[in-house]
Amino acid sequence: MNDITLNITVSEGKLIFKALVELPFKLVFELIGNINQQTNAQQRNNESDEIVLKLNKREIEIIKEALVEQPFKMVFSIFEKISKVESI
């Protein structure tokens, strides 16, 4: 599968984690591990607030499914970013 590059802030990453833990473990455990691994590698190497995630289409769908259950005002910016990368 082709990877999709999603640029998010650390705060947005925390919101994604918060949303993902509400879904069944079987559905999200690999995705949480993947995001955690990428985030930790990037945060060790720089002080930037930006995280660049390489995700496949299915992982993006799971994230969207999780975010739908969160208050829209909190997750709007993430949906906006996902929408932009999906249209590329």
PDB file of N, CA and C in Angstrom:
ATOM      1  N   MET A   1       0.828  -1.200   0.000  1.00  0.00           N
ATOM      2  CA  MET A   1       0.000   0.000   0.000  1.00  0.00           C
ATOM      3  C   MET A   1       0.862   1.249   0.000  1.00  0.00           C
ATOM      4  N   ASN A   2       0.357   2.299  -0.611  1.00  0.00           N
ATOM      5  CA  ASN A   2       1.066   3.567  -0.616  1.00  0.00           C
ATOM      6  C   ASN A   2       0.888   4.267   0.721  1.00  0.00           C
ATOM      7  N   ASP A   3       1.992   4.798   1.232  1.00  0.00           N
ATOM      8  CA  ASP A   3       1.916   5.548   2.478  1.00  0.00           C
ATOM      9  C   ASP A   3       1.417   6.954   2.213  1.00  0.00           C
ATOM     10  N   ILE A   4       0.704   7.467   3.189  1.00  0.00           N
ATOM     11  CA  ILE A   4       0.215   8.837   3.174  1.00  0.00           C
ATOM     12  C   ILE A   4       0.992   9.572   4.252  1.00  0.00           C
ATOM     13  N   THR A   5       1.519  10.742   3.924  1.00  0.00           N
ATOM     14  CA  THR A   5       2.256  11.534   4.899  1.00  0.00           C
ATOM     15  C   THR A   5       1.312  12.525   5.543  1.00  0.00           C
ATOM     16  N   LEU A   6       1.211  12.448   6.864  1.00  0.00           N
ATOM     17  CA  LEU A   6       0.331  13.327   7.629  1.00  0.00           C
ATOM     18  C   LEU A   6       1.185  14.116   8.612  1.00  0.00           C
ATOM     19  N   ASN A   7       1.193  15.430   8.465  1.00  0.00           N
ATOM     20  CA  ASN A   7       1.935  16.317   9.369  1.00  0.00           C
ATOM     21  C   ASN A   7       0.977  16.823  10.440  1.00  0.00           C
ATOM     22  N   ILE A   8       1.294  16.512  11.696  1.00  0.00           N
ATOM     23  CA  ILE A   8       0.448  16.934  12.807  1.00  0.00           C
ATOM     24  C   ILE A   8       1.315  17.532  13.908  1.00  0.00           C
ATOM     25  N   THR A   9       0.669  18.219  14.828  1.00  0.00           N
ATOM     26  CA  THR A   9       1.387  18.741  15.989  1.00  0.00           C
ATOM     27  C   THR A   9       1.370  17.672  17.087  1.00  0.00           C
ATOM     28  N   VAL A  10       2.195  17.875  18.090  1.00  0.00           N
ATOM     29  CA  VAL A  10       2.214  16.964  19.236  1.00  0.00           C
ATOM     30  C   VAL A  10       0.830  16.945  19.893  1.00  0.00           C
ATOM     31  N   SER A  11       0.191  18.096  20.022  1.00  0.00           N
ATOM     32  CA  SER A  11      -1.152  18.169  20.620  1.00  0.00           C
ATOM     33  C   SER A  11      -2.163  17.366  19.816  1.00  0.00           C
ATOM     34  N   GLU A  12      -2.082  17.467  18.503  1.00  0.00           N
ATOM     35  CA  GLU A  12      -2.992  16.689  17.658  1.00  0.00           C
ATOM     36  C   GLU A  12      -2.706  15.195  17.793  1.00  0.00           C
ATOM     37  N   GLY A  13      -1.442  14.841  17.930  1.00  0.00           N
ATOM     38  CA  GLY A  13      -1.074  13.446  18.142  1.00  0.00           C
ATOM     39  C   GLY A  13      -1.687  12.900  19.417  1.00  0.00           C
ATOM     40  N   LYS A  14      -1.672  13.706  20.465  1.00  0.00           N
ATOM     41  CA  LYS A  14      -2.274  13.297  21.732  1.00  0.00           C
ATOM     42  C   LYS A  14      -3.779  13.101  21.585  1.00  0.00           C
ATOM     43  N   LEU A  15      -4.419  13.968  20.806  1.00  0.00           N
ATOM     44  CA  LEU A  15      -5.857  13.815  20.559  1.00  0.00           C
ATOM     45  C   LEU A  15      -6.146  12.526  19.789  1.00  0.00           C
ATOM     46  N   ILE A  16      -5.278  12.209  18.829  1.00  0.00           N
ATOM     47  CA  ILE A  16      -5.454  10.972  18.067  1.00  0.00           C
ATOM     48  C   ILE A  16      -5.331   9.770  18.997  1.00  0.00           C
ATOM     49  N   PHE A  17      -4.323   9.762  19.853  1.00  0.00           N
ATOM     50  CA  PHE A  17      -4.170   8.667  20.820  1.00  0.00           C
ATOM     51  C   PHE A  17      -5.402   8.556  21.714  1.00  0.00           C
ATOM     52  N   LYS A  18      -5.866   9.690  22.213  1.00  0.00           N
ATOM     53  CA  LYS A  18      -7.037   9.700  23.087  1.00  0.00           C
ATOM     54  C   LYS A  18      -8.242   9.090  22.381  1.00  0.00           C
ATOM     55  N   ALA A  19      -8.406   9.409  21.120  1.00  0.00           N
ATOM     56  CA  ALA A  19      -9.533   8.871  20.352  1.00  0.00           C
ATOM     57  C   ALA A  19      -9.356   7.381  20.065  1.00  0.00           C
ATOM     58  N   LEU A  20      -8.143   6.983  19.714  1.00  0.00           N
ATOM     59  CA  LEU A  20      -7.903   5.585  19.367  1.00  0.00           C
ATOM     60  C   LEU A  20      -8.147   4.624  20.525  1.00  0.00           C
ATOM     61  N   VAL A  21      -7.826   5.043  21.733  1.00  0.00           N
ATOM     62  CA  VAL A  21      -7.991   4.130  22.863  1.00  0.00           C
ATOM     63  C   VAL A  21      -9.457   3.837  23.166  1.00  0.00           C
ATOM     64  N   GLU A  22     -10.357   4.588  22.576  1.00  0.00           N
ATOM     65  CA  GLU A  22     -11.787   4.340  22.753  1.00  0.00           C
ATOM     66  C   GLU A  22     -12.297   3.225  21.837  1.00  0.00           C
ATOM     67  N   LEU A  23     -11.511   2.870  20.817  1.00  0.00           N
ATOM     68  CA  LEU A  23     -11.902   1.800  19.889  1.00  0.00           C
ATOM     69  C   LEU A  23     -11.414   0.454  20.416  1.00  0.00           C
ATOM     70  N   PRO A  24     -11.964  -0.637  19.891  1.00  0.00           N
ATOM     71  CA  PRO A  24     -11.514  -1.962  20.335  1.00  0.00           C
ATOM     72  C   PRO A  24     -10.013  -2.155  20.138  1.00  0.00           C
ATOM     73  N   PHE A  25      -9.371  -2.716  21.155  1.00  0.00           N
ATOM     74  CA  PHE A  25      -7.919  -2.930  21.154  1.00  0.00           C
ATOM     75  C   PHE A  25      -7.454  -3.677  19.915  1.00  0.00           C
ATOM     76  N   LYS A  26      -8.174  -4.699  19.538  1.00  0.00           N
ATOM     77  CA  LYS A  26      -7.805  -5.530  18.386  1.00  0.00           C
ATOM     78  C   LYS A  26      -7.699  -4.697  17.100  1.00  0.00           C
ATOM     79  N   LEU A  27      -8.505  -3.666  17.013  1.00  0.00           N
ATOM     80  CA  LEU A  27      -8.521  -2.805  15.832  1.00  0.00           C
ATOM     81  C   LEU A  27      -7.364  -1.809  15.810  1.00  0.00           C
ATOM     82  N   VAL A  28      -6.931  -1.352  16.995  1.00  0.00           N
ATOM     83  CA  VAL A  28      -6.009  -0.213  17.041  1.00  0.00           C
ATOM     84  C   VAL A  28      -4.607  -0.489  17.563  1.00  0.00           C
ATOM     85  N   PHE A  29      -4.349  -1.664  18.125  1.00  0.00           N
ATOM     86  CA  PHE A  29      -3.064  -1.845  18.811  1.00  0.00           C
ATOM     87  C   PHE A  29      -1.870  -1.689  17.876  1.00  0.00           C
ATOM     88  N   GLU A  30      -1.943  -2.191  16.668  1.00  0.00           N
ATOM     89  CA  GLU A  30      -0.812  -2.044  15.735  1.00  0.00           C
ATOM     90  C   GLU A  30      -0.642  -0.585  15.311  1.00  0.00           C
ATOM     91  N   LEU A  31      -1.748   0.092  15.072  1.00  0.00           N
ATOM     92  CA  LEU A  31      -1.699   1.504  14.679  1.00  0.00           C
ATOM     93  C   LEU A  31      -1.120   2.361  15.799  1.00  0.00           C
ATOM     94  N   ILE A  32      -1.549   2.122  17.027  1.00  0.00           N
ATOM     95  CA  ILE A  32      -1.001   2.870  18.168  1.00  0.00           C
ATOM     96  C   ILE A  32       0.503   2.631  18.277  1.00  0.00           C
ATOM     97  N   GLY A  33       0.936   1.394  18.115  1.00  0.00           N
ATOM     98  CA  GLY A  33       2.366   1.078  18.156  1.00  0.00           C
ATOM     99  C   GLY A  33       3.131   1.785  17.055  1.00  0.00           C
ATOM    100  N   ASN A  34       2.558   1.798  15.853  1.00  0.00           N
ATOM    101  CA  ASN A  34       3.191   2.449  14.701  1.00  0.00           C
ATOM    102  C   ASN A  34       3.345   3.950  14.945  1.00  0.00           C
ATOM    103  N   ILE A  35       2.269   4.593  15.375  1.00  0.00           N
ATOM    104  CA  ILE A  35       2.324   6.038  15.628  1.00  0.00           C
ATOM    105  C   ILE A  35       3.300   6.342  16.765  1.00  0.00           C
ATOM    106  N   ASN A  36       3.251   5.556  17.814  1.00  0.00           N
ATOM    107  CA  ASN A  36       4.146   5.752  18.957  1.00  0.00           C
ATOM    108  C   ASN A  36       5.609   5.627  18.541  1.00  0.00           C
ATOM    109  N   GLN A  37       5.919   4.616  17.741  1.00  0.00           N
ATOM    110  CA  GLN A  37       7.292   4.406  17.279  1.00  0.00           C
ATOM    111  C   GLN A  37       7.778   5.589  16.436  1.00  0.00           C
ATOM    112  N   GLN A  38       6.959   6.029  15.503  1.00  0.00           N
ATOM    113  CA  GLN A  38       7.345   7.156  14.643  1.00  0.00           C
ATOM    114  C   GLN A  38       7.505   8.442  15.459  1.00  0.00           C
ATOM    115  N   THR A  39       6.581   8.664  16.372  1.00  0.00           N
ATOM    116  CA  THR A  39       6.623   9.875  17.194  1.00  0.00           C
ATOM    117  C   THR A  39       7.859   9.903  18.080  1.00  0.00           C
ATOM    118  N   ASN A  40       8.122   8.798  18.753  1.00  0.00           N
ATOM    119  CA  ASN A  40       9.292   8.747  19.651  1.00  0.00           C
ATOM    120  C   ASN A  40      10.592   8.954  18.892  1.00  0.00           C
ATOM    121  N   ALA A  41      10.729   8.365  17.716  1.00  0.00           N
ATOM    122  CA  ALA A  41      11.942   8.522  16.912  1.00  0.00           C
ATOM    123  C   ALA A  41      12.153   9.990  16.524  1.00  0.00           C
ATOM    124  N   GLN A  42      11.069  10.660  16.163  1.00  0.00           N
ATOM    125  CA  GLN A  42      11.183  12.054  15.736  1.00  0.00           C
ATOM    126  C   GLN A  42      11.416  12.998  16.912  1.00  0.00           C
ATOM    127  N   GLN A  43      10.780  12.753  18.018  1.00  0.00           N
ATOM    128  CA  GLN A  43      10.915  13.640  19.162  1.00  0.00           C
ATOM    129  C   GLN A  43      12.294  13.529  19.804  1.00  0.00           C
ATOM    130  N   ARG A  44      12.936  12.363  19.690  1.00  0.00           N
ATOM    131  CA  ARG A  44      14.303  12.205  20.211  1.00  0.00           C
ATOM    132  C   ARG A  44      15.297  13.048  19.417  1.00  0.00           C
ATOM    133  N   ASN A  45      15.015  13.220  18.145  1.00  0.00           N
ATOM    134  CA  ASN A  45      15.977  13.864  17.256  1.00  0.00           C
ATOM    135  C   ASN A  45      15.784  15.365  17.090  1.00  0.00           C
ATOM    136  N   ASN A  46      14.677  15.900  17.561  1.00  0.00           N
ATOM    137  CA  ASN A  46      14.494  17.348  17.416  1.00  0.00           C
ATOM    138  C   ASN A  46      13.504  17.876  18.446  1.00  0.00           C
ATOM    139  N   GLU A  47      13.431  19.169  18.537  1.00  0.00           N
ATOM    140  CA  GLU A  47      12.554  19.829  19.497  1.00  0.00           C
ATOM    141  C   GLU A  47      11.307  20.402  18.832  1.00  0.00           C
ATOM    142  N   SER A  48      11.077  20.061  17.578  1.00  0.00           N
ATOM    143  CA  SER A  48       9.945  20.591  16.841  1.00  0.00           C
ATOM    144  C   SER A  48       8.620  20.095  17.420  1.00  0.00           C
ATOM    145  N   ASP A  49       7.600  20.885  17.251  1.00  0.00           N
ATOM    146  CA  ASP A  49       6.250  20.510  17.677  1.00  0.00           C
ATOM    147  C   ASP A  49       5.546  19.696  16.592  1.00  0.00           C
ATOM    148  N   GLU A  50       6.210  19.520  15.448  1.00  0.00           N
ATOM    149  CA  GLU A  50       5.586  18.808  14.333  1.00  0.00           C
ATOM    150  C   GLU A  50       5.991  17.333  14.320  1.00  0.00           C
ATOM    151  N   ILE A  51       5.029  16.496  14.009  1.00  0.00           N
ATOM    152  CA  ILE A  51       5.256  15.061  13.834  1.00  0.00           C
ATOM    153  C   ILE A  51       4.846  14.717  12.405  1.00  0.00           C
ATOM    154  N   VAL A  52       5.688  13.997  11.709  1.00  0.00           N
ATOM    155  CA  VAL A  52       5.386  13.554  10.357  1.00  0.00           C
ATOM    156  C   VAL A  52       5.130  12.057  10.415  1.00  0.00           C
ATOM    157  N   LEU A  53       3.879  11.676  10.146  1.00  0.00           N
ATOM    158  CA  LEU A  53       3.504  10.269  10.199  1.00  0.00           C
ATOM    159  C   LEU A  53       3.354   9.702   8.797  1.00  0.00           C
ATOM    160  N   LYS A  54       3.857   8.507   8.605  1.00  0.00           N
ATOM    161  CA  LYS A  54       3.661   7.750   7.362  1.00  0.00           C
ATOM    162  C   LYS A  54       2.633   6.677   7.694  1.00  0.00           C
ATOM    163  N   LEU A  55       1.452   6.797   7.103  1.00  0.00           N
ATOM    164  CA  LEU A  55       0.351   5.896   7.400  1.00  0.00           C
ATOM    165  C   LEU A  55      -0.246   5.363   6.108  1.00  0.00           C
ATOM    166  N   ASN A  56      -0.800   4.154   6.186  1.00  0.00           N
ATOM    167  CA  ASN A  56      -1.485   3.650   4.995  1.00  0.00           C
ATOM    168  C   ASN A  56      -2.953   4.072   5.042  1.00  0.00           C
ATOM    169  N   LYS A  57      -3.641   3.824   3.959  1.00  0.00           N
ATOM    170  CA  LYS A  57      -5.028   4.260   3.828  1.00  0.00           C
ATOM    171  C   LYS A  57      -5.922   3.673   4.935  1.00  0.00           C
ATOM    172  N   ARG A  58      -5.718   2.409   5.277  1.00  0.00           N
ATOM    173  CA  ARG A  58      -6.521   1.775   6.322  1.00  0.00           C
ATOM    174  C   ARG A  58      -6.275   2.438   7.686  1.00  0.00           C
ATOM    175  N   GLU A  59      -5.029   2.783   7.972  1.00  0.00           N
ATOM    176  CA  GLU A  59      -4.712   3.453   9.235  1.00  0.00           C
ATOM    177  C   GLU A  59      -5.388   4.825   9.313  1.00  0.00           C
ATOM    178  N   ILE A  60      -5.398   5.538   8.197  1.00  0.00           N
ATOM    179  CA  ILE A  60      -6.084   6.832   8.143  1.00  0.00           C
ATOM    180  C   ILE A  60      -7.575   6.635   8.415  1.00  0.00           C
ATOM    181  N   GLU A  61      -8.163   5.604   7.835  1.00  0.00           N
ATOM    182  CA  GLU A  61      -9.590   5.326   8.052  1.00  0.00           C
ATOM    183  C   GLU A  61      -9.887   5.035   9.519  1.00  0.00           C
ATOM    184  N   ILE A  62      -9.018   4.287  10.169  1.00  0.00           N
ATOM    185  CA  ILE A  62      -9.202   3.990  11.593  1.00  0.00           C
ATOM    186  C   ILE A  62      -9.123   5.271  12.426  1.00  0.00           C
ATOM    187  N   ILE A  63      -8.163   6.120  12.102  1.00  0.00           N
ATOM    188  CA  ILE A  63      -8.026   7.396  12.814  1.00  0.00           C
ATOM    189  C   ILE A  63      -9.296   8.228  12.640  1.00  0.00           C
ATOM    190  N   LYS A  64      -9.795   8.307  11.407  1.00  0.00           N
ATOM    191  CA  LYS A  64     -11.022   9.075  11.167  1.00  0.00           C
ATOM    192  C   LYS A  64     -12.191   8.493  11.946  1.00  0.00           C
ATOM    193  N   GLU A  65     -12.305   7.171  11.971  1.00  0.00           N
ATOM    194  CA  GLU A  65     -13.369   6.507  12.721  1.00  0.00           C
ATOM    195  C   GLU A  65     -13.298   6.881  14.204  1.00  0.00           C
ATOM    196  N   ALA A  66     -12.099   6.920  14.738  1.00  0.00           N
ATOM    197  CA  ALA A  66     -11.920   7.264  16.151  1.00  0.00           C
ATOM    198  C   ALA A  66     -12.236   8.737  16.406  1.00  0.00           C
ATOM    199  N   LEU A  67     -11.798   9.602  15.522  1.00  0.00           N
ATOM    200  CA  LEU A  67     -11.979  11.042  15.734  1.00  0.00           C
ATOM    201  C   LEU A  67     -13.435  11.479  15.636  1.00  0.00           C
ATOM    202  N   VAL A  68     -14.231  10.756  14.874  1.00  0.00           N
ATOM    203  CA  VAL A  68     -15.646  11.111  14.717  1.00  0.00           C
ATOM    204  C   VAL A  68     -16.363  11.147  16.065  1.00  0.00           C
ATOM    205  N   GLU A  69     -15.897  10.344  16.995  1.00  0.00           N
ATOM    206  CA  GLU A  69     -16.530  10.270  18.316  1.00  0.00           C
ATOM    207  C   GLU A  69     -16.089  11.384  19.257  1.00  0.00           C
ATOM    208  N   GLN A  70     -15.120  12.187  18.844  1.00  0.00           N
ATOM    209  CA  GLN A  70     -14.589  13.268  19.691  1.00  0.00           C
ATOM    210  C   GLN A  70     -15.301  14.581  19.376  1.00  0.00           C
ATOM    211  N   PRO A  71     -15.258  15.537  20.309  1.00  0.00           N
ATOM    212  CA  PRO A  71     -15.864  16.846  20.041  1.00  0.00           C
ATOM    213  C   PRO A  71     -15.242  17.485  18.793  1.00  0.00           C
ATOM    214  N   PHE A  72     -16.099  17.883  17.870  1.00  0.00           N
ATOM    215  CA  PHE A  72     -15.647  18.396  16.576  1.00  0.00           C
ATOM    216  C   PHE A  72     -14.679  19.560  16.725  1.00  0.00           C
ATOM    217  N   LYS A  73     -14.947  20.430  17.643  1.00  0.00           N
ATOM    218  CA  LYS A  73     -14.106  21.616  17.843  1.00  0.00           C
ATOM    219  C   LYS A  73     -12.660  21.221  18.159  1.00  0.00           C
ATOM    220  N   MET A  74     -12.486  20.084  18.843  1.00  0.00           N
ATOM    221  CA  MET A  74     -11.148  19.637  19.230  1.00  0.00           C
ATOM    222  C   MET A  74     -10.394  18.978  18.077  1.00  0.00           C
ATOM    223  N   VAL A  75     -11.103  18.339  17.166  1.00  0.00           N
ATOM    224  CA  VAL A  75     -10.432  17.524  16.146  1.00  0.00           C
ATOM    225  C   VAL A  75     -10.557  18.083  14.729  1.00  0.00           C
ATOM    226  N   PHE A  76     -11.191  19.218  14.585  1.00  0.00           N
ATOM    227  CA  PHE A  76     -11.400  19.796  13.262  1.00  0.00           C
ATOM    228  C   PHE A  76     -10.102  19.950  12.474  1.00  0.00           C
ATOM    229  N   SER A  77      -9.051  20.450  13.132  1.00  0.00           N
ATOM    230  CA  SER A  77      -7.786  20.693  12.420  1.00  0.00           C
ATOM    231  C   SER A  77      -7.184  19.392  11.891  1.00  0.00           C
ATOM    232  N   ILE A  78      -7.374  18.295  12.624  1.00  0.00           N
ATOM    233  CA  ILE A  78      -6.840  17.009  12.163  1.00  0.00           C
ATOM    234  C   ILE A  78      -7.620  16.541  10.942  1.00  0.00           C
ATOM    235  N   PHE A  79      -8.944  16.651  10.987  1.00  0.00           N
ATOM    236  CA  PHE A  79      -9.750  16.272   9.823  1.00  0.00           C
ATOM    237  C   PHE A  79      -9.373  17.097   8.597  1.00  0.00           C
ATOM    238  N   GLU A  80      -9.097  18.371   8.817  1.00  0.00           N
ATOM    239  CA  GLU A  80      -8.701  19.258   7.722  1.00  0.00           C
ATOM    240  C   GLU A  80      -7.394  18.764   7.091  1.00  0.00           C
ATOM    241  N   LYS A  81      -6.432  18.382   7.916  1.00  0.00           N
ATOM    242  CA  LYS A  81      -5.149  17.895   7.417  1.00  0.00           C
ATOM    243  C   LYS A  81      -5.315  16.561   6.675  1.00  0.00           C
ATOM    244  N   ILE A  82      -6.133  15.678   7.237  1.00  0.00           N
ATOM    245  CA  ILE A  82      -6.363  14.387   6.588  1.00  0.00           C
ATOM    246  C   ILE A  82      -7.045  14.613   5.232  1.00  0.00           C
ATOM    247  N   SER A  83      -7.999  15.503   5.190  1.00  0.00           N
ATOM    248  CA  SER A  83      -8.692  15.798   3.942  1.00  0.00           C
ATOM    249  C   SER A  83      -7.725  16.284   2.864  1.00  0.00           C
ATOM    250  N   LYS A  84      -6.771  17.112   3.258  1.00  0.00           N
ATOM    251  CA  LYS A  84      -5.793  17.641   2.291  1.00  0.00           C
ATOM    252  C   LYS A  84      -4.900  16.538   1.743  1.00  0.00           C
ATOM    253  N   VAL A  85      -4.425  15.636   2.597  1.00  0.00           N
ATOM    254  CA  VAL A  85      -3.517  14.589   2.102  1.00  0.00           C
ATOM    255  C   VAL A  85      -4.264  13.527   1.325  1.00  0.00           C
ATOM    256  N   GLU A  86      -5.533  13.317   1.623  1.00  0.00           N
ATOM    257  CA  GLU A  86      -6.312  12.327   0.870  1.00  0.00           C
ATOM    258  C   GLU A  86      -6.628  12.809  -0.528  1.00  0.00           C
ATOM    259  N   SER A  87      -6.674  14.119  -0.719  1.00  0.00           N
ATOM    260  CA  SER A  87      -7.005  14.659  -2.033  1.00  0.00           C
ATOM    261  C   SER A  87      -5.808  14.720  -2.973  1.00  0.00           C
ATOM    262  N   ILE A  88      -4.629  14.403  -2.449  1.00  0.00           N
ATOM    263  CA  ILE A  88      -3.408  14.446  -3.272  1.00  0.00           C
ATOM    264  C   ILE A  88      -3.308  13.185  -4.111  1.00  0.00           C
TER     265      ILE A  88
END
